[in-house]
Protein backbone atom coordinates (compact mmCIF):
# COMPACT_ATOMS: atom_id res chain seq x y z
CA MET A 1 128.83 139.08 104.12
CA VAL A 2 130.81 141.88 103.43
CA ILE A 3 130.74 144.77 106.46
CA VAL A 4 131.95 147.83 105.20
CA LEU A 5 133.64 150.18 108.23
CA ALA A 6 132.90 153.44 107.02
CA ALA A 7 132.59 155.53 109.99
CA GLY A 8 135.77 157.87 109.26
CA LEU A 9 135.49 161.24 109.93
CA GLY A 10 138.36 162.36 107.87
CA THR A 11 139.78 165.06 110.04
CA ARG A 12 142.92 165.09 108.66
CA MET A 13 140.97 166.29 105.30
CA LYS A 14 139.70 168.86 107.24
CA SER A 15 136.07 168.23 105.80
CA SER A 16 132.72 168.02 107.51
CA ARG A 17 131.75 165.19 104.50
CA PRO A 18 132.31 162.04 105.89
CA LYS A 19 135.29 160.04 104.83
CA ALA A 20 133.60 157.56 103.04
CA LEU A 21 131.50 160.19 100.05
CA HIS A 22 134.37 161.70 99.00
CA ARG A 23 135.09 161.05 95.68
CA ALA A 24 137.98 159.42 92.87
CA ALA A 25 137.69 159.20 89.70
CA GLY A 26 134.18 160.55 89.74
CA GLN A 27 132.96 157.74 91.90
CA SER A 28 132.54 157.82 96.17
CA LEU A 29 135.37 155.39 98.16
CA ILE A 30 132.75 153.90 99.56
CA GLY A 31 131.71 153.57 95.85
CA HIS A 32 134.59 151.60 95.33
CA VAL A 33 134.56 149.75 97.74
CA LEU A 34 131.57 148.21 97.28
CA THR A 35 132.08 147.36 93.61
CA ALA A 36 134.57 145.48 94.15
CA ALA A 37 132.74 143.18 96.70
CA SER A 38 129.50 142.87 94.59
CA ALA A 39 131.44 140.60 92.04
CA LEU A 40 132.11 138.68 95.06
CA THR A 41 127.71 138.11 95.09
CA PRO A 42 127.82 138.45 99.56
CA ALA A 43 124.88 137.40 100.94
CA LYS A 44 124.53 140.61 102.97
CA VAL A 45 126.05 144.02 102.77
CA VAL A 46 126.30 146.01 106.25
CA VAL A 47 127.82 149.03 106.34
CA VAL A 48 128.88 150.35 109.68
CA SER A 49 128.29 154.12 109.43
CA GLY A 50 128.66 156.81 112.12
CA PRO A 51 125.63 159.30 113.26
CA GLY A 52 123.72 161.61 112.06
CA GLU A 53 125.52 160.20 108.25
CA ASP A 54 121.76 159.01 106.53
CA ASP A 55 123.62 159.93 103.23
CA VAL A 56 126.20 157.40 103.71
CA THR A 57 123.22 155.07 103.65
CA VAL A 58 122.14 156.73 100.39
CA GLU A 59 125.92 156.33 98.66
CA ALA A 60 126.23 152.61 99.50
CA ARG A 61 122.60 151.70 98.65
CA ARG A 62 122.94 153.40 94.98
CA PHE A 63 125.66 150.42 94.86
CA SER A 64 124.22 147.96 97.13
CA PRO A 65 120.15 148.31 97.25
CA GLU A 66 119.95 145.53 100.09
CA ALA A 67 122.67 147.34 102.24
CA ILE A 68 121.61 147.61 105.83
CA THR A 69 123.11 150.55 108.08
CA VAL A 70 124.01 150.33 111.49
CA VAL A 71 125.35 153.31 113.07
CA GLN A 72 128.80 153.38 115.23
CA ALA A 73 127.07 155.80 117.94
CA GLU A 74 131.07 156.35 119.16
CA ARG A 75 134.01 155.94 117.19
CA LYS A 76 136.22 153.69 119.39
CA GLY A 77 138.41 151.93 116.68
CA THR A 78 138.02 150.04 114.44
CA GLY A 79 136.85 146.72 117.05
CA HIS A 80 134.41 148.60 118.40
CA ALA A 81 132.88 149.05 114.59
CA ALA A 82 132.86 145.24 114.29
CA MET A 83 130.79 145.58 117.63
CA THR A 84 128.04 147.25 116.30
CA ALA A 85 128.14 144.77 113.16
CA GLN A 86 127.15 142.08 116.00
CA PRO A 87 123.41 141.77 115.68
CA VAL A 88 123.14 140.98 112.24
CA VAL A 89 126.71 138.65 112.03
CA ALA A 90 124.25 136.95 114.95
CA PRO A 91 121.96 134.69 113.28
CA PHE A 92 124.83 134.76 109.95
CA THR A 93 126.22 130.79 108.71
CA GLY A 94 129.13 131.41 106.47
CA LYS A 95 132.36 133.55 105.95
CA VAL A 96 132.79 137.41 107.55
CA LEU A 97 134.75 139.61 105.00
CA ILE A 98 135.30 142.89 106.85
CA LEU A 99 136.69 145.91 104.25
CA ILE A 100 137.63 149.64 104.78
CA ALA A 101 135.58 152.73 102.98
CA ASP A 102 138.71 154.79 102.20
CA CYS A 103 140.14 151.65 100.14
CA PRO A 104 138.85 152.26 97.04
CA ASN A 105 141.68 150.58 94.86
CA VAL A 106 140.92 146.76 96.69
CA ARG A 107 140.34 144.40 93.82
CA ALA A 108 137.92 141.53 93.62
CA GLN A 109 140.26 138.98 92.56
CA SER A 110 142.20 139.78 96.05
CA LEU A 111 139.14 139.72 98.08
CA ALA A 112 138.71 136.45 96.78
CA ASN A 113 142.35 135.16 97.39
CA LEU A 114 141.24 136.18 101.11
CA LEU A 115 138.38 134.96 101.47
CA GLY A 116 139.98 131.31 99.63
CA LYS A 117 142.44 131.78 102.91
CA VAL A 118 139.00 130.90 105.59
CA THR A 119 139.12 126.80 106.09
CA ALA A 120 138.05 125.19 109.04
CA ASP A 121 141.99 124.93 109.58
CA SER A 122 142.48 128.79 109.24
CA PRO A 123 138.95 130.60 110.27
CA LEU A 124 140.56 133.78 110.50
CA ALA A 125 143.07 135.77 106.99
CA VAL A 126 144.53 139.17 107.15
CA LEU A 127 145.13 140.83 104.32
CA GLY A 128 148.66 141.88 103.67
CA PHE A 129 151.15 143.36 101.42
CA LYS A 130 154.74 144.65 101.00
CA ALA A 131 155.09 147.81 102.12
CA ALA A 132 158.09 149.40 100.31
CA ASP A 133 158.35 151.74 103.70
CA PRO A 134 157.02 149.91 106.54
CA HIS A 135 157.17 152.74 109.02
CA GLY A 136 153.85 153.68 110.17
CA TYR A 137 151.96 149.84 109.40
CA GLY A 138 150.70 147.11 111.56
CA ARG A 139 154.05 144.60 110.84
CA PHE A 140 153.16 141.01 110.59
CA ILE A 141 154.49 138.07 113.14
CA GLN A 142 154.75 135.06 111.97
CA ASN A 143 155.59 131.82 113.10
CA ASP A 144 157.84 129.05 111.97
CA GLN A 145 155.06 127.33 109.84
CA GLY A 146 154.44 130.99 108.41
CA ASP A 147 150.98 130.97 110.31
CA LEU A 148 150.08 134.94 111.67
CA ILE A 149 150.37 134.79 114.91
CA ASN A 150 150.01 138.81 115.71
CA ILE A 151 150.34 141.93 114.07
CA ARG A 152 152.28 144.15 115.83
CA GLU A 153 152.05 148.52 115.93
CA GLU A 154 155.17 150.99 114.73
CA LEU A 155 154.59 152.16 118.51
CA ASP A 156 154.95 148.34 119.97
CA ALA A 157 157.66 147.00 117.39
CA SER A 158 160.55 146.00 118.84
CA THR A 159 164.40 146.68 116.42
CA GLN A 160 164.00 143.48 114.60
CA GLU A 161 159.96 143.94 113.88
CA ARG A 162 160.24 147.10 112.25
CA LYS A 163 162.59 145.34 109.47
CA ILE A 164 159.34 143.48 108.54
CA ASP A 165 158.18 144.64 105.07
CA LEU A 166 155.33 142.66 105.34
CA CYS A 167 152.41 144.70 106.58
CA ASN A 168 148.73 144.95 107.78
CA SER A 169 146.23 146.12 105.07
CA GLY A 170 143.17 146.61 107.46
CA ILE A 171 140.90 143.55 105.51
CA MET A 172 140.08 140.63 107.10
CA ALA A 173 137.71 137.56 106.41
CA MET A 174 136.49 134.57 109.13
CA GLU A 175 134.15 132.36 109.32
CA ALA A 176 130.94 133.96 111.25
CA ALA A 177 130.98 131.50 113.91
CA LEU A 178 134.57 132.74 115.04
CA PHE A 179 133.88 136.67 114.78
CA ARG A 180 130.82 135.97 117.33
CA GLU A 181 133.41 133.96 119.18
CA LEU A 182 136.24 136.58 119.56
CA VAL A 183 134.27 139.96 118.82
CA PRO A 184 133.24 140.35 121.94
CA GLN A 185 136.93 140.08 123.49
CA LEU A 186 138.20 142.31 122.43
CA LYS A 187 138.93 144.61 124.66
CA ASP A 188 140.13 148.80 125.17
CA ALA A 189 143.48 148.27 126.85
CA ASN A 190 145.26 150.61 125.01
CA VAL A 191 146.50 154.37 124.87
CA LYS A 192 143.88 155.93 123.66
CA GLY A 193 140.98 153.58 124.71
CA GLU A 194 139.96 151.98 121.14
CA PHE A 195 138.77 148.56 119.82
CA TYR A 196 141.35 146.83 117.49
CA LEU A 197 140.26 144.61 115.10
CA THR A 198 143.68 143.28 115.16
CA ASP A 199 143.65 142.01 117.90
CA LEU A 200 141.35 139.36 117.17
CA VAL A 201 144.77 137.43 115.66
CA PRO A 202 146.36 137.07 119.13
CA LEU A 203 143.07 136.09 120.59
CA ALA A 204 142.13 133.21 117.54
CA VAL A 205 146.36 132.01 118.57
CA LYS A 206 145.19 132.02 121.90
CA SER A 207 141.67 129.58 120.80
CA GLY A 208 143.93 127.40 119.50
CA LYS A 209 143.51 128.95 115.72
CA ARG A 210 145.39 129.27 112.85
CA VAL A 211 145.01 132.32 111.09
CA ALA A 212 146.44 132.80 107.18
CA HIS A 213 147.02 135.09 105.63
CA SER A 214 146.96 136.75 100.94
CA VAL A 215 149.26 139.13 100.20
CA CYS A 216 148.00 141.59 97.89
CA PRO A 217 150.11 144.73 95.78
CA GLU A 218 150.48 147.80 97.89
CA ALA A 219 148.43 150.35 95.93
CA GLU A 220 145.26 147.67 95.90
CA VAL A 221 145.65 148.84 100.06
CA ALA A 222 146.85 152.30 99.97
CA GLY A 223 143.95 154.22 102.32
CA ILE A 224 142.83 157.62 102.60
CA ASN A 225 143.65 160.11 105.78
CA THR A 226 144.44 163.36 103.24
CA ARG A 227 143.24 165.66 100.72
CA ALA A 228 147.27 164.65 99.82
CA GLN A 229 146.23 160.97 99.91
CA LEU A 230 143.29 161.31 97.99
CA ALA A 231 144.93 163.59 94.80
CA ALA A 232 147.55 160.61 94.72
CA ILE A 233 144.44 158.08 94.28
CA GLU A 234 142.84 159.70 91.72
CA LEU A 235 146.23 159.92 89.47
CA GLU A 236 147.16 156.03 90.05
CA MET A 237 143.11 155.57 88.98
CA GLN A 238 143.43 157.71 86.31
CA LYS A 239 146.48 155.98 84.71
CA ALA A 240 144.76 152.49 84.72
CA LEU A 241 141.03 153.51 82.94
CA ARG A 242 143.56 155.28 80.22
CA LEU A 243 145.97 152.57 80.02
CA ALA A 244 142.24 150.22 79.60
CA ALA A 245 140.48 152.39 77.72
CA MET A 246 143.41 152.17 75.08
CA ASP A 247 143.72 148.31 74.79
CA ASN A 248 140.23 148.21 74.17
CA GLY A 249 140.93 150.12 71.39
CA ALA A 250 140.18 153.94 72.04
CA THR A 251 143.24 156.25 71.35
CA LEU A 252 143.80 159.57 73.89
CA ILE A 253 146.12 161.51 71.90
CA ALA A 254 147.52 163.46 75.08
CA PRO A 255 146.44 160.14 77.51
CA ASP A 256 147.62 162.52 80.93
CA THR A 257 145.19 165.00 80.12
CA VAL A 258 142.35 162.87 79.14
CA PHE A 259 140.16 162.28 82.56
CA LEU A 260 137.53 159.15 83.44
CA SER A 261 135.19 158.05 85.37
CA ALA A 262 134.82 154.77 87.41
CA ASP A 263 131.37 153.62 85.56
CA THR A 264 132.96 155.17 82.16
CA ARG A 265 132.12 153.41 78.43
CA ILE A 266 134.38 153.46 75.45
CA GLY A 267 134.41 151.97 72.42
CA LYS A 268 136.66 150.56 69.37
CA ASP A 269 138.21 153.57 67.11
CA VAL A 270 137.62 156.26 69.73
CA VAL A 271 139.18 159.29 69.36
CA ILE A 272 139.31 161.53 72.28
CA GLU A 273 141.77 164.46 71.55
CA PRO A 274 144.06 166.62 75.06
CA HIS A 275 142.14 167.88 77.63
CA VAL A 276 138.08 166.27 78.11
CA ILE A 277 136.83 165.15 81.13
CA ILE A 278 134.61 162.78 81.59
CA GLY A 279 132.52 162.85 84.49
CA PRO A 280 130.34 159.70 86.02
CA GLY A 281 127.73 157.95 83.68
CA VAL A 282 128.73 158.42 79.89
CA THR A 283 129.14 155.89 77.07
CA ILE A 284 130.71 156.67 74.22
CA GLU A 285 129.99 154.01 71.39
CA ASP A 286 132.92 152.66 68.35
CA ASN A 287 133.60 155.02 66.12
CA CYS A 288 133.63 158.76 67.89
CA THR A 289 135.40 161.45 67.78
CA ILE A 290 135.88 163.79 71.40
CA ARG A 291 137.30 166.52 70.63
CA SER A 292 139.00 168.94 72.62
CA PHE A 293 138.04 170.71 75.75
CA CYS A 294 134.99 168.74 76.45
CA HIS A 295 133.28 167.86 79.50
CA ILE A 296 130.74 165.19 79.59
CA GLU A 297 128.53 163.68 82.17
CA GLY A 298 125.71 161.22 82.66
CA ALA A 299 125.75 162.10 78.98
CA SER A 300 125.54 158.24 75.89
CA VAL A 301 127.55 159.45 72.14
CA ARG A 302 126.15 156.62 70.17
CA GLU A 303 128.07 155.33 66.66
CA GLY A 304 130.16 157.70 65.05
CA ALA A 305 129.35 161.24 66.41
CA ILE A 306 131.36 163.66 66.76
CA VAL A 307 131.41 166.56 69.91
CA GLY A 308 133.22 169.60 70.49
CA PRO A 309 135.63 171.35 70.93
CA PHE A 310 134.45 173.12 74.11
CA THR A 311 131.06 170.88 73.81
CA ARG A 312 129.13 170.57 77.23
CA LEU A 313 127.16 167.42 78.05
CA ARG A 314 124.84 167.57 80.59
CA PRO A 315 122.97 165.10 82.21
CA GLY A 316 120.04 163.37 80.33
CA ALA A 317 122.41 164.61 77.03
CA GLU A 318 121.82 161.65 73.92
CA ILE A 319 123.59 161.80 71.09
CA GLY A 320 122.33 160.05 67.64
CA GLU A 321 124.64 158.17 65.04
CA HIS A 322 126.90 160.28 63.38
CA ALA A 323 125.40 163.88 64.94
CA HIS A 324 127.01 166.78 64.91
CA LEU A 325 128.54 168.60 68.24
CA GLY A 326 130.30 171.90 67.73
CA ASN A 327 132.36 174.39 70.02
CA PHE A 328 130.39 176.33 72.48
CA VAL A 329 127.45 174.04 71.88
CA GLU A 330 125.78 172.79 75.78
CA ILE A 331 123.09 170.46 75.64
CA LYS A 332 121.09 168.95 78.60
CA ASN A 333 117.87 166.33 79.19
CA THR A 334 117.95 166.38 74.76
CA LYS A 335 117.86 163.45 72.47
CA VAL A 336 120.13 164.26 69.41
CA GLU A 337 118.61 162.21 66.95
CA ALA A 338 120.73 160.64 64.01
CA GLY A 339 122.56 162.59 62.14
CA ALA A 340 121.37 166.07 63.03
CA LYS A 341 124.06 168.99 63.97
CA ILE A 342 124.02 171.85 65.85
CA ASN A 343 127.70 172.98 65.18
CA HIS A 344 128.08 176.17 66.74
CA LEU A 345 127.03 178.60 70.26
CA ALA A 346 123.99 177.13 70.83
CA TYR A 347 122.26 176.01 74.31
CA VAL A 348 119.33 173.19 73.70
CA GLY A 349 117.74 171.89 77.34
CA ASP A 350 114.55 169.42 77.43
CA ALA A 351 114.44 168.69 73.71
CA ARG A 352 114.57 166.27 71.13
CA VAL A 353 116.61 167.00 67.97
CA GLY A 354 115.02 165.23 64.82
CA ALA A 355 116.92 163.60 62.58
CA LYS A 356 118.93 165.27 60.57
CA ALA A 357 118.12 168.26 62.08
CA ASN A 358 119.91 171.68 61.59
CA ILE A 359 119.98 174.11 64.59
CA GLY A 360 122.18 176.91 63.10
CA ALA A 361 124.71 179.40 65.78
CA GLY A 362 123.42 181.48 69.14
CA THR A 363 120.27 179.03 68.80
CA ILE A 364 118.73 178.45 72.37
CA THR A 365 115.58 176.98 74.22
CA CYS A 366 114.13 178.83 76.22
CA ASN A 367 112.97 176.18 79.13
CA TYR A 368 112.90 177.69 82.11
CA ASP A 369 110.36 180.15 82.94
CA GLY A 370 111.70 181.02 86.64
CA VAL A 371 109.19 177.80 87.86
CA SER A 372 109.55 174.56 85.52
CA LYS A 373 111.30 173.48 82.74
CA HIS A 374 109.58 173.12 79.79
CA PHE A 375 109.86 170.94 76.57
CA THR A 376 110.96 171.83 73.09
CA ASP A 377 110.39 169.53 70.07
CA ILE A 378 111.94 169.79 66.89
CA GLY A 379 111.38 167.69 64.24
CA ALA A 380 113.56 165.02 61.50
CA GLY A 381 115.11 168.14 59.02
CA ALA A 382 114.19 170.65 60.33
CA PHE A 383 115.73 174.10 59.70
CA VAL A 384 116.53 176.29 62.88
CA GLY A 385 118.21 179.88 61.02
CA SER A 386 120.36 181.45 63.35
CA ASN A 387 120.04 183.83 66.58
CA THR A 388 116.98 182.21 67.16
CA SER A 389 114.97 181.53 69.99
CA LEU A 390 112.91 178.65 70.77
CA VAL A 391 110.26 179.78 73.84
CA ALA A 392 109.13 176.28 75.15
CA PRO A 393 106.41 174.74 75.25
CA VAL A 394 106.82 174.56 71.57
CA LYS A 395 106.68 172.47 68.36
CA ILE A 396 108.85 172.35 65.63
CA GLY A 397 107.68 170.53 62.82
CA ASP A 398 109.79 168.09 60.62
CA GLY A 399 110.80 169.78 57.61
CA ALA A 400 109.89 173.65 58.52
CA TYR A 401 112.46 176.16 58.49
CA VAL A 402 112.76 178.89 61.00
CA GLY A 403 114.19 182.10 59.88
CA SER A 404 117.60 183.68 61.17
CA GLY A 405 116.99 186.24 64.22
CA SER A 406 113.48 184.78 65.08
CA VAL A 407 111.47 184.05 68.47
CA VAL A 408 109.41 180.83 67.82
CA ASP A 409 106.60 180.72 70.98
CA ARG A 410 103.96 179.05 69.22
CA ASP A 411 104.19 175.25 66.99
CA VAL A 412 105.19 175.48 63.35
CA GLU A 413 103.35 173.00 61.13
CA ALA A 414 105.31 170.44 59.36
CA ASP A 415 107.77 171.79 55.86
CA SER A 416 106.72 175.65 56.98
CA LEU A 417 107.87 178.42 57.28
CA ALA A 418 108.03 180.38 60.42
CA LEU A 419 109.63 184.18 60.57
CA GLU A 420 109.27 187.29 63.20
CA ARG A 421 111.80 189.61 62.84
CA SER A 422 110.74 192.99 62.39
CA PRO A 423 111.17 195.27 59.36
CA LEU A 424 114.74 196.92 58.85
CA VAL A 425 114.81 200.37 58.75
CA ILE A 426 117.15 201.90 56.55
CA LYS A 427 117.96 205.97 57.00
CA PRO A 428 120.83 207.07 54.34
CA ASP A 429 123.23 209.27 55.33
CA TRP A 430 122.17 209.36 58.98
CA ALA A 431 125.17 208.15 59.89
CA LYS A 432 127.51 210.36 58.18
CA ARG A 433 124.89 213.44 60.13
CA PHE A 434 125.10 212.19 63.20
CA ARG A 435 129.02 212.34 64.07
CA SER A 436 128.67 215.69 62.52
CA ALA A 437 126.47 216.52 64.36
CA ARG A 438 128.41 215.03 68.04
CA GLN A 439 131.33 215.80 66.10
CA ALA A 440 129.84 220.08 66.50
CA ARG A 441 129.15 219.41 70.00
CA LYS A 442 132.37 218.40 70.83
CA THR A 443 133.86 221.84 69.53
CA ALA A 444 130.74 224.22 71.10
CA LYS A 445 131.77 222.52 74.81
CA ARG A 446 136.34 223.71 73.82
């Protein structure tokens, strides 16, 4: 069983949003934590949220559909949050892993290592880290055998204890039976009047239990209490995502200018030019080129496609094999089939663009009537001339031509020509006479 403590308010972040819902690398903090936890295939996932935070439940179930939410009506510390989960733990047999929602970098392997320390001899284990600067952290106090016997907070630590650099991450694991035995014994006899999970360690020792620990890198358990810390986490995640993409065979010409999301999937021999932002839900297959200044979210780009520069792919964009999308093109909820070209200055939304179709500069699909969205179907091999407005719902048949400057508001049959254009009127010498008249009026006024 996994319990995620997610009731934090994020007071120091000065935000009305629950801290667990702040995002890093395109994903909520709790989403990162649940992703790591899901690799352990837990029997149950319990999320402890604050009152009135239904959005935390919704977000948690995106990553763990069967997650159970319990509400910590009063925020009285981590131990009190664990108490809130007691009814769910009551019938459970097995190991309980307690995670913190604002600790998004923790790896599944570190959690597995911690769970491995929970045995019949050591039914409680705590995850620690070697701190470069231990100031402010709780210190691990060990006996001569290396067993954990206490976690001393900074204010309570002696001068000698403050020199200890093995510190508490806030993550722990224990047998469910021990959880049921010790959590009700937690007291709020401290300056803040709160219940602390760390007090489980001396309680376990007092009851004759050994307490084990495991160690992970400090960066994995960095918590987030401020916007600056959130930015620091973002920076570290982006470094890791960029490196992983390059290790898997992608070329990032200027890596520091490319921003990826935690779920971004990039194939081999993909080239990503400078200043590209890739939001959640994006897959880019092998041999694609993403040119500079593109913004891509909720989209798939099939093998060999070329996107950009200055292309925006919005959610629902499906770009087919070897399709070309050029500068200042926006695609939304549209399937662009293999070999199609939309090379400049176009908006295509709620549509299908057939294989090898060509969409001219300045073309738009007029998909919204102020109330509803409507669909535009452009057939294979169709040619749509520049500055065309396709008023949906409308269908352009396979191989059809649409003349430049047309407004198309009814279906065009396959292999037909659609031309909607006012007659061009040319009046010889009109411009010369106009200028002369204007100049005469100007002179008269003087």
